[in-house]
Amino acid sequence: MSDYQPTPPPSTPYASAPTPAKSPILSILSLIFGILGVLLSLFLFGTGFLPGAAAVVLGFLGRRKEPQAKGMWLTGIITGFVAIAIAIVVWVVLAAIVGIAGASSNY
């Protein structure tokens, strides 16, 4: 008899594919709404308040549910608050302009 013993085949010839990572959709939406809110607040008379508020809400939800996407939800929260602040400043300036124009008109 010989000393040769065949080795058994491996139990699984191929490694199983890793499960795909769940995409951080809340954080991505927060980032998009934050940027959109800043742009709308700057260029369309403070209309970026609602997208800014949505960015803040989605950012805080993303912070709780998607901690791995910290850069995106944090940027969404910051840009959301900036959009809200710019919108409020634009509204106050427009109200002041309308008030001054109304007070100086001669009827």
C-alpha atoms as a PDB file:
ATOM      1  CA  MET A   1       0.000   0.000   0.000  1.00  0.00           C
ATOM      2  CA  SER A   2       1.135   3.509  -0.667  1.00  0.00           C
ATOM      3  CA  ASP A   3       1.202   6.449   1.699  1.00  0.00           C
ATOM      4  CA  TYR A   4      -0.642   8.686  -0.766  1.00  0.00           C
ATOM      5  CA  GLN A   5      -4.033   9.869   0.396  1.00  0.00           C
ATOM      6  CA  PRO A   6      -6.037  12.180  -1.845  1.00  0.00           C
ATOM      7  CA  THR A   7      -7.171  15.441  -0.313  1.00  0.00           C
ATOM      8  CA  PRO A   8     -10.893  16.014  -0.304  1.00  0.00           C
ATOM      9  CA  PRO A   9     -12.232  18.822  -2.493  1.00  0.00           C
ATOM     10  CA  PRO A  10     -13.031  22.081  -0.709  1.00  0.00           C
ATOM     11  CA  SER A  11     -16.534  22.293   0.599  1.00  0.00           C
ATOM     12  CA  THR A  12     -17.337  25.439  -1.380  1.00  0.00           C
ATOM     13  CA  PRO A  13     -15.386  26.001  -4.566  1.00  0.00           C
ATOM     14  CA  TYR A  14     -16.298  29.713  -4.707  1.00  0.00           C
ATOM     15  CA  ALA A  15     -16.586  32.278  -1.985  1.00  0.00           C
ATOM     16  CA  SER A  16     -20.037  33.694  -1.590  1.00  0.00           C
ATOM     17  CA  ALA A  17     -20.556  37.221  -2.825  1.00  0.00           C
ATOM     18  CA  PRO A  18     -20.652  39.835  -0.096  1.00  0.00           C
ATOM     19  CA  THR A  19     -24.000  41.406   0.575  1.00  0.00           C
ATOM     20  CA  PRO A  20     -24.197  44.852  -0.987  1.00  0.00           C
ATOM     21  CA  ALA A  21     -23.991  47.744   1.441  1.00  0.00           C
ATOM     22  CA  LYS A  22     -27.185  49.647   1.976  1.00  0.00           C
ATOM     23  CA  SER A  23     -26.961  53.038   0.314  1.00  0.00           C
ATOM     24  CA  PRO A  24     -27.274  56.036   2.664  1.00  0.00           C
ATOM     25  CA  ILE A  25     -30.306  57.537   0.936  1.00  0.00           C
ATOM     26  CA  LEU A  26     -31.313  59.869   3.798  1.00  0.00           C
ATOM     27  CA  SER A  27     -27.839  61.380   3.936  1.00  0.00           C
ATOM     28  CA  ILE A  28     -27.692  61.812   0.174  1.00  0.00           C
ATOM     29  CA  LEU A  29     -31.098  63.516   0.119  1.00  0.00           C
ATOM     30  CA  SER A  30     -30.061  65.762   3.002  1.00  0.00           C
ATOM     31  CA  LEU A  31     -26.967  66.839   1.092  1.00  0.00           C
ATOM     32  CA  ILE A  32     -28.936  67.505  -2.107  1.00  0.00           C
ATOM     33  CA  PHE A  33     -31.678  69.491  -0.350  1.00  0.00           C
ATOM     34  CA  GLY A  34     -29.098  71.489   1.599  1.00  0.00           C
ATOM     35  CA  ILE A  35     -27.241  72.552  -1.531  1.00  0.00           C
ATOM     36  CA  LEU A  36     -30.514  73.262  -3.335  1.00  0.00           C
ATOM     37  CA  GLY A  37     -31.737  75.328  -0.383  1.00  0.00           C
ATOM     38  CA  VAL A  38     -28.603  77.491  -0.330  1.00  0.00           C
ATOM     39  CA  LEU A  39     -28.793  78.094  -4.073  1.00  0.00           C
ATOM     40  CA  LEU A  40     -32.488  78.963  -3.980  1.00  0.00           C
ATOM     41  CA  SER A  41     -32.028  81.257  -0.976  1.00  0.00           C
ATOM     42  CA  LEU A  42     -29.245  83.152  -2.698  1.00  0.00           C
ATOM     43  CA  PHE A  43     -30.736  83.508  -6.152  1.00  0.00           C
ATOM     44  CA  LEU A  44     -34.544  83.338  -5.836  1.00  0.00           C
ATOM     45  CA  PHE A  45     -35.437  85.720  -2.999  1.00  0.00           C
ATOM     46  CA  GLY A  46     -35.238  83.344  -0.073  1.00  0.00           C
ATOM     47  CA  THR A  47     -37.236  80.457  -1.505  1.00  0.00           C
ATOM     48  CA  GLY A  48     -34.733  77.961  -0.124  1.00  0.00           C
ATOM     49  CA  PHE A  49     -36.348  77.824   3.315  1.00  0.00           C
ATOM     50  CA  LEU A  50     -38.339  74.629   2.679  1.00  0.00           C
ATOM     51  CA  PRO A  51     -35.492  72.640   1.054  1.00  0.00           C
ATOM     52  CA  GLY A  52     -33.237  73.846   3.869  1.00  0.00           C
ATOM     53  CA  ALA A  53     -35.689  72.626   6.487  1.00  0.00           C
ATOM     54  CA  ALA A  54     -35.980  69.293   4.681  1.00  0.00           C
ATOM     55  CA  ALA A  55     -32.179  69.013   4.634  1.00  0.00           C
ATOM     56  CA  VAL A  56     -32.001  69.554   8.393  1.00  0.00           C
ATOM     57  CA  VAL A  57     -34.708  66.981   9.136  1.00  0.00           C
ATOM     58  CA  LEU A  58     -33.236  64.383   6.756  1.00  0.00           C
ATOM     59  CA  GLY A  59     -29.760  65.080   8.098  1.00  0.00           C
ATOM     60  CA  PHE A  60     -30.796  64.339  11.664  1.00  0.00           C
ATOM     61  CA  LEU A  61     -32.626  61.201  10.540  1.00  0.00           C
ATOM     62  CA  GLY A  62     -29.527  60.142   8.604  1.00  0.00           C
ATOM     63  CA  ARG A  63     -27.373  60.783  11.680  1.00  0.00           C
ATOM     64  CA  ARG A  64     -29.439  58.310  13.655  1.00  0.00           C
ATOM     65  CA  LYS A  65     -29.943  55.643  10.967  1.00  0.00           C
ATOM     66  CA  GLU A  66     -26.802  55.964   8.829  1.00  0.00           C
ATOM     67  CA  PRO A  67     -23.824  56.814  11.045  1.00  0.00           C
ATOM     68  CA  GLN A  68     -21.356  55.529   8.424  1.00  0.00           C
ATOM     69  CA  ALA A  69     -22.292  58.417   6.087  1.00  0.00           C
ATOM     70  CA  LYS A  70     -21.221  61.142   8.515  1.00  0.00           C
ATOM     71  CA  GLY A  71     -19.801  63.467   5.873  1.00  0.00           C
ATOM     72  CA  MET A  72     -22.995  63.611   3.871  1.00  0.00           C
ATOM     73  CA  TRP A  73     -25.522  64.056   6.676  1.00  0.00           C
ATOM     74  CA  LEU A  74     -23.317  66.568   8.479  1.00  0.00           C
ATOM     75  CA  THR A  75     -22.920  68.628   5.311  1.00  0.00           C
ATOM     76  CA  GLY A  76     -26.681  68.401   4.739  1.00  0.00           C
ATOM     77  CA  ILE A  77     -27.413  69.674   8.250  1.00  0.00           C
ATOM     78  CA  ILE A  78     -24.948  72.567   7.922  1.00  0.00           C
ATOM     79  CA  THR A  79     -26.111  73.631   4.453  1.00  0.00           C
ATOM     80  CA  GLY A  80     -29.738  73.295   5.573  1.00  0.00           C
ATOM     81  CA  PHE A  81     -29.215  75.686   8.483  1.00  0.00           C
ATOM     82  CA  VAL A  82     -27.288  78.065   6.206  1.00  0.00           C
ATOM     83  CA  ALA A  83     -30.155  78.010   3.678  1.00  0.00           C
ATOM     84  CA  ILE A  84     -32.675  78.785   6.428  1.00  0.00           C
ATOM     85  CA  ALA A  85     -30.530  81.647   7.750  1.00  0.00           C
ATOM     86  CA  ILE A  86     -30.025  83.149   4.286  1.00  0.00           C
ATOM     87  CA  ALA A  87     -33.756  82.906   3.547  1.00  0.00           C
ATOM     88  CA  ILE A  88     -34.628  84.713   6.786  1.00  0.00           C
ATOM     89  CA  VAL A  89     -32.071  87.465   6.103  1.00  0.00           C
ATOM     90  CA  VAL A  90     -33.391  87.908   2.557  1.00  0.00           C
ATOM     91  CA  TRP A  91     -36.983  88.130   3.860  1.00  0.00           C
ATOM     92  CA  VAL A  92     -36.029  90.761   6.452  1.00  0.00           C
ATOM     93  CA  VAL A  93     -34.146  92.827   3.856  1.00  0.00           C
ATOM     94  CA  LEU A  94     -37.063  92.611   1.395  1.00  0.00           C
ATOM     95  CA  ALA A  95     -39.538  93.599   4.122  1.00  0.00           C
ATOM     96  CA  ALA A  96     -37.352  96.570   5.040  1.00  0.00           C
ATOM     97  CA  ILE A  97     -37.139  97.668   1.402  1.00  0.00           C
ATOM     98  CA  VAL A  98     -40.897  97.377   0.945  1.00  0.00           C
ATOM     99  CA  GLY A  99     -41.492  99.227   4.239  1.00  0.00           C
ATOM    100  CA  ILE A 100     -39.147 102.055   3.336  1.00  0.00           C
ATOM    101  CA  ALA A 101     -40.622 102.329  -0.170  1.00  0.00           C
ATOM    102  CA  GLY A 102     -44.154 102.369   1.247  1.00  0.00           C
ATOM    103  CA  ALA A 103     -43.331 105.004   3.865  1.00  0.00           C
ATOM    104  CA  SER A 104     -41.648 107.310   1.392  1.00  0.00           C
ATOM    105  CA  SER A 105     -44.385 107.215  -1.218  1.00  0.00           C
ATOM    106  CA  ASN A 106     -46.559 110.334  -1.531  1.00  0.00           C
ATOM    107  CA  TYR A 107     -50.231 109.522  -1.885  1.00  0.00           C
END
